[in-house]
């Protein structure tokens, strides 16, 4: 557990002014609208690309698993 600090931070007026200049006004953040994603139609080329990416990820994970198994098999001999 940490004990409470008895030291106080010294902040000069110039740096405090600099940080205050970057503060976002409170009314601006509440009025900001979220971007809406426009859903595109799924074209077959993109589906093939996604499927290929998924297969490559599974293959790479299997490869890393096999290499890890070989490493431990050699290490424990």
N, C-alpha and C. Protein backbone atom coordinates (compact mmCIF):
# COMPACT_ATOMS: atom_id res chain seq x y z
N UNK A 1 0.84 -1.19 0.00
CA UNK A 1 0.00 0.00 0.00
C UNK A 1 0.87 1.24 0.00
N UNK A 2 0.44 2.23 -0.71
CA UNK A 2 1.20 3.46 -0.74
C UNK A 2 0.72 4.39 0.36
N UNK A 3 1.68 5.08 0.95
CA UNK A 3 1.31 6.07 1.95
C UNK A 3 1.00 7.39 1.23
N UNK A 4 0.12 8.17 1.78
CA UNK A 4 -0.21 9.43 1.12
C UNK A 4 1.01 10.35 1.06
N UNK A 5 1.17 11.02 -0.04
CA UNK A 5 2.32 11.88 -0.24
C UNK A 5 2.13 13.20 0.49
N UNK A 6 3.20 13.68 1.12
CA UNK A 6 3.12 14.96 1.82
C UNK A 6 3.69 16.08 0.95
N UNK A 7 4.23 15.71 -0.21
CA UNK A 7 4.81 16.72 -1.09
C UNK A 7 3.72 17.32 -1.97
N UNK A 8 3.86 18.61 -2.27
CA UNK A 8 2.92 19.26 -3.18
C UNK A 8 3.66 19.62 -4.46
N UNK A 9 2.95 19.54 -5.55
CA UNK A 9 3.56 19.84 -6.85
C UNK A 9 3.59 21.34 -7.06
N UNK A 10 4.70 21.83 -7.58
CA UNK A 10 4.84 23.24 -7.89
C UNK A 10 4.63 23.42 -9.38
N UNK A 11 3.59 24.16 -9.76
CA UNK A 11 3.28 24.40 -11.16
C UNK A 11 3.36 25.89 -11.40
N UNK A 12 4.21 26.29 -12.33
CA UNK A 12 4.31 27.72 -12.60
C UNK A 12 3.12 28.19 -13.44
N UNK A 13 2.87 29.47 -13.43
CA UNK A 13 1.69 30.04 -14.09
C UNK A 13 1.74 29.84 -15.60
N UNK A 14 2.93 29.89 -16.17
CA UNK A 14 3.04 29.76 -17.63
C UNK A 14 2.63 28.37 -18.09
N UNK A 15 3.09 27.32 -17.39
CA UNK A 15 2.72 25.97 -17.80
C UNK A 15 1.24 25.71 -17.53
N UNK A 16 0.73 26.28 -16.45
CA UNK A 16 -0.70 26.11 -16.17
C UNK A 16 -1.54 26.75 -17.28
N UNK A 17 -1.11 27.92 -17.76
CA UNK A 17 -1.81 28.59 -18.86
C UNK A 17 -1.72 27.76 -20.14
N UNK A 18 -0.57 27.14 -20.36
CA UNK A 18 -0.36 26.33 -21.56
C UNK A 18 -1.30 25.13 -21.56
N UNK A 19 -1.40 24.44 -20.40
CA UNK A 19 -2.29 23.30 -20.31
C UNK A 19 -3.75 23.72 -20.45
N UNK A 20 -4.10 24.87 -19.88
CA UNK A 20 -5.47 25.36 -19.96
C UNK A 20 -5.85 25.70 -21.39
N UNK A 21 -4.87 26.11 -22.20
CA UNK A 21 -5.18 26.45 -23.58
C UNK A 21 -5.54 25.21 -24.41
N UNK A 22 -5.12 24.03 -23.96
CA UNK A 22 -5.44 22.80 -24.67
C UNK A 22 -6.69 22.12 -24.14
N UNK A 23 -7.28 22.64 -23.10
CA UNK A 23 -8.49 22.03 -22.55
C UNK A 23 -9.64 22.23 -23.52
N UNK A 24 -10.48 21.22 -23.63
CA UNK A 24 -11.63 21.29 -24.54
C UNK A 24 -12.80 21.91 -23.81
N UNK A 25 -13.44 22.90 -24.39
CA UNK A 25 -14.61 23.49 -23.72
C UNK A 25 -15.68 22.43 -23.46
N UNK A 26 -16.34 22.48 -22.31
CA UNK A 26 -17.30 21.43 -21.97
C UNK A 26 -18.49 21.35 -22.92
N UNK A 27 -18.96 22.48 -23.46
CA UNK A 27 -20.13 22.42 -24.34
C UNK A 27 -19.79 21.83 -25.70
N UNK A 28 -18.52 21.89 -26.10
CA UNK A 28 -18.13 21.35 -27.40
C UNK A 28 -18.17 19.83 -27.40
N UNK A 29 -17.75 19.20 -26.29
CA UNK A 29 -17.72 17.74 -26.24
C UNK A 29 -19.12 17.14 -26.18
N UNK A 30 -20.06 17.84 -25.54
CA UNK A 30 -21.41 17.28 -25.43
C UNK A 30 -22.19 17.42 -26.74
N UNK A 31 -21.83 18.41 -27.55
CA UNK A 31 -22.54 18.61 -28.81
C UNK A 31 -21.95 17.82 -29.96
N UNK A 32 -20.83 17.17 -29.73
CA UNK A 32 -20.19 16.42 -30.81
C UNK A 32 -21.02 15.19 -31.17
N UNK A 33 -21.27 15.03 -32.44
CA UNK A 33 -22.06 13.88 -32.88
C UNK A 33 -21.15 12.73 -33.23
N UNK A 34 -21.65 11.54 -32.99
CA UNK A 34 -20.87 10.35 -33.35
C UNK A 34 -20.98 10.11 -34.83
N UNK A 35 -19.89 9.62 -35.38
CA UNK A 35 -19.92 9.30 -36.80
C UNK A 35 -20.72 8.02 -37.01
N UNK A 36 -21.54 8.03 -38.00
CA UNK A 36 -22.35 6.86 -38.30
C UNK A 36 -21.66 6.08 -39.40
N UNK A 37 -21.45 4.81 -39.16
CA UNK A 37 -20.83 3.97 -40.19
C UNK A 37 -21.88 3.59 -41.22
N UNK A 38 -21.54 3.80 -42.46
CA UNK A 38 -22.44 3.40 -43.53
C UNK A 38 -22.13 1.97 -43.90
N UNK A 39 -23.15 1.15 -43.84
CA UNK A 39 -22.95 -0.27 -44.11
C UNK A 39 -22.93 -0.51 -45.61
N UNK A 40 -21.84 -1.05 -46.07
CA UNK A 40 -21.74 -1.36 -47.50
C UNK A 40 -22.23 -2.78 -47.75
N UNK A 41 -22.66 -3.01 -48.96
CA UNK A 41 -23.05 -4.37 -49.32
C UNK A 41 -21.84 -5.28 -49.33
N UNK A 42 -22.01 -6.50 -48.91
CA UNK A 42 -20.90 -7.44 -48.85
C UNK A 42 -20.63 -7.97 -50.25
N UNK A 43 -19.50 -7.59 -50.82
CA UNK A 43 -19.21 -8.13 -52.14
C UNK A 43 -18.40 -9.42 -51.99
N UNK A 44 -18.52 -10.34 -52.93
CA UNK A 44 -17.88 -11.67 -52.80
C UNK A 44 -16.36 -11.59 -52.69
N UNK A 45 -15.75 -10.60 -53.33
CA UNK A 45 -14.28 -10.50 -53.24
C UNK A 45 -13.85 -10.22 -51.81
N UNK A 46 -14.60 -9.36 -51.13
CA UNK A 46 -14.26 -9.04 -49.74
C UNK A 46 -14.47 -10.25 -48.84
N UNK A 47 -15.51 -11.02 -49.11
CA UNK A 47 -15.75 -12.22 -48.32
C UNK A 47 -14.61 -13.21 -48.49
N UNK A 48 -14.14 -13.36 -49.74
CA UNK A 48 -13.01 -14.26 -49.98
C UNK A 48 -11.77 -13.79 -49.24
N UNK A 49 -11.56 -12.46 -49.26
CA UNK A 49 -10.40 -11.89 -48.59
C UNK A 49 -10.48 -12.14 -47.08
N UNK A 50 -11.67 -11.93 -46.49
CA UNK A 50 -11.85 -12.16 -45.06
C UNK A 50 -11.63 -13.63 -44.72
N UNK A 51 -12.15 -14.53 -45.56
CA UNK A 51 -11.99 -15.96 -45.31
C UNK A 51 -10.53 -16.36 -45.40
N UNK A 52 -9.83 -15.82 -46.40
CA UNK A 52 -8.42 -16.13 -46.56
C UNK A 52 -7.62 -15.62 -45.37
N UNK A 53 -7.98 -14.43 -44.89
CA UNK A 53 -7.29 -13.87 -43.73
C UNK A 53 -7.50 -14.76 -42.51
N UNK A 54 -8.72 -15.24 -42.31
CA UNK A 54 -9.01 -16.10 -41.18
C UNK A 54 -8.25 -17.41 -41.27
N UNK A 55 -8.22 -18.00 -42.46
CA UNK A 55 -7.49 -19.27 -42.65
C UNK A 55 -6.00 -19.06 -42.40
N UNK A 56 -5.45 -17.96 -42.89
CA UNK A 56 -4.03 -17.70 -42.67
C UNK A 56 -3.73 -17.50 -41.19
N UNK A 57 -4.64 -16.87 -40.45
CA UNK A 57 -4.43 -16.68 -39.02
C UNK A 57 -4.42 -18.03 -38.30
N UNK A 58 -5.36 -18.91 -38.65
CA UNK A 58 -5.42 -20.24 -38.02
C UNK A 58 -4.17 -21.04 -38.36
N UNK A 59 -3.73 -20.97 -39.62
CA UNK A 59 -2.52 -21.69 -40.04
C UNK A 59 -1.30 -21.16 -39.29
N UNK A 60 -1.20 -19.85 -39.15
CA UNK A 60 -0.04 -19.30 -38.45
C UNK A 60 -0.05 -19.67 -36.97
N UNK A 61 -1.23 -19.69 -36.36
CA UNK A 61 -1.31 -20.11 -34.96
C UNK A 61 -0.93 -21.58 -34.80
N UNK A 62 -1.36 -22.42 -35.73
CA UNK A 62 -1.00 -23.84 -35.69
C UNK A 62 0.51 -24.00 -35.87
N UNK A 63 1.09 -23.21 -36.77
CA UNK A 63 2.53 -23.27 -37.01
C UNK A 63 3.31 -22.86 -35.76
N UNK A 64 2.87 -21.78 -35.12
CA UNK A 64 3.54 -21.33 -33.89
C UNK A 64 3.39 -22.38 -32.80
N UNK A 65 2.23 -23.00 -32.70
CA UNK A 65 2.03 -24.06 -31.72
C UNK A 65 2.93 -25.25 -31.98
N UNK A 66 3.07 -25.64 -33.25
CA UNK A 66 3.94 -26.78 -33.59
C UNK A 66 5.40 -26.44 -33.31
N UNK A 67 5.81 -25.24 -33.63
CA UNK A 67 7.19 -24.84 -33.36
C UNK A 67 7.47 -24.79 -31.86
N UNK A 68 6.50 -24.34 -31.09
CA UNK A 68 6.64 -24.31 -29.63
C UNK A 68 6.75 -25.72 -29.08
N UNK A 69 5.93 -26.64 -29.60
CA UNK A 69 5.99 -28.03 -29.15
C UNK A 69 7.34 -28.64 -29.48
N UNK A 70 7.85 -28.37 -30.68
CA UNK A 70 9.17 -28.89 -31.05
C UNK A 70 10.25 -28.31 -30.15
N UNK A 71 10.16 -27.04 -29.85
CA UNK A 71 11.14 -26.39 -29.00
C UNK A 71 11.16 -27.04 -27.62
N UNK A 72 9.98 -27.26 -27.03
CA UNK A 72 9.93 -27.87 -25.70
C UNK A 72 10.35 -29.32 -25.74
N UNK A 73 10.05 -30.02 -26.84
CA UNK A 73 10.47 -31.42 -26.96
C UNK A 73 12.01 -31.50 -26.98
N UNK A 74 12.64 -30.61 -27.71
CA UNK A 74 14.11 -30.59 -27.77
C UNK A 74 14.67 -30.11 -26.45
N UNK A 75 14.03 -29.15 -25.81
CA UNK A 75 14.52 -28.57 -24.57
C UNK A 75 14.48 -29.57 -23.42
N UNK A 76 13.47 -30.43 -23.41
CA UNK A 76 13.30 -31.35 -22.28
C UNK A 76 14.05 -32.67 -22.46
N UNK A 77 14.75 -32.85 -23.57
CA UNK A 77 15.50 -34.10 -23.75
C UNK A 77 16.69 -34.18 -22.85
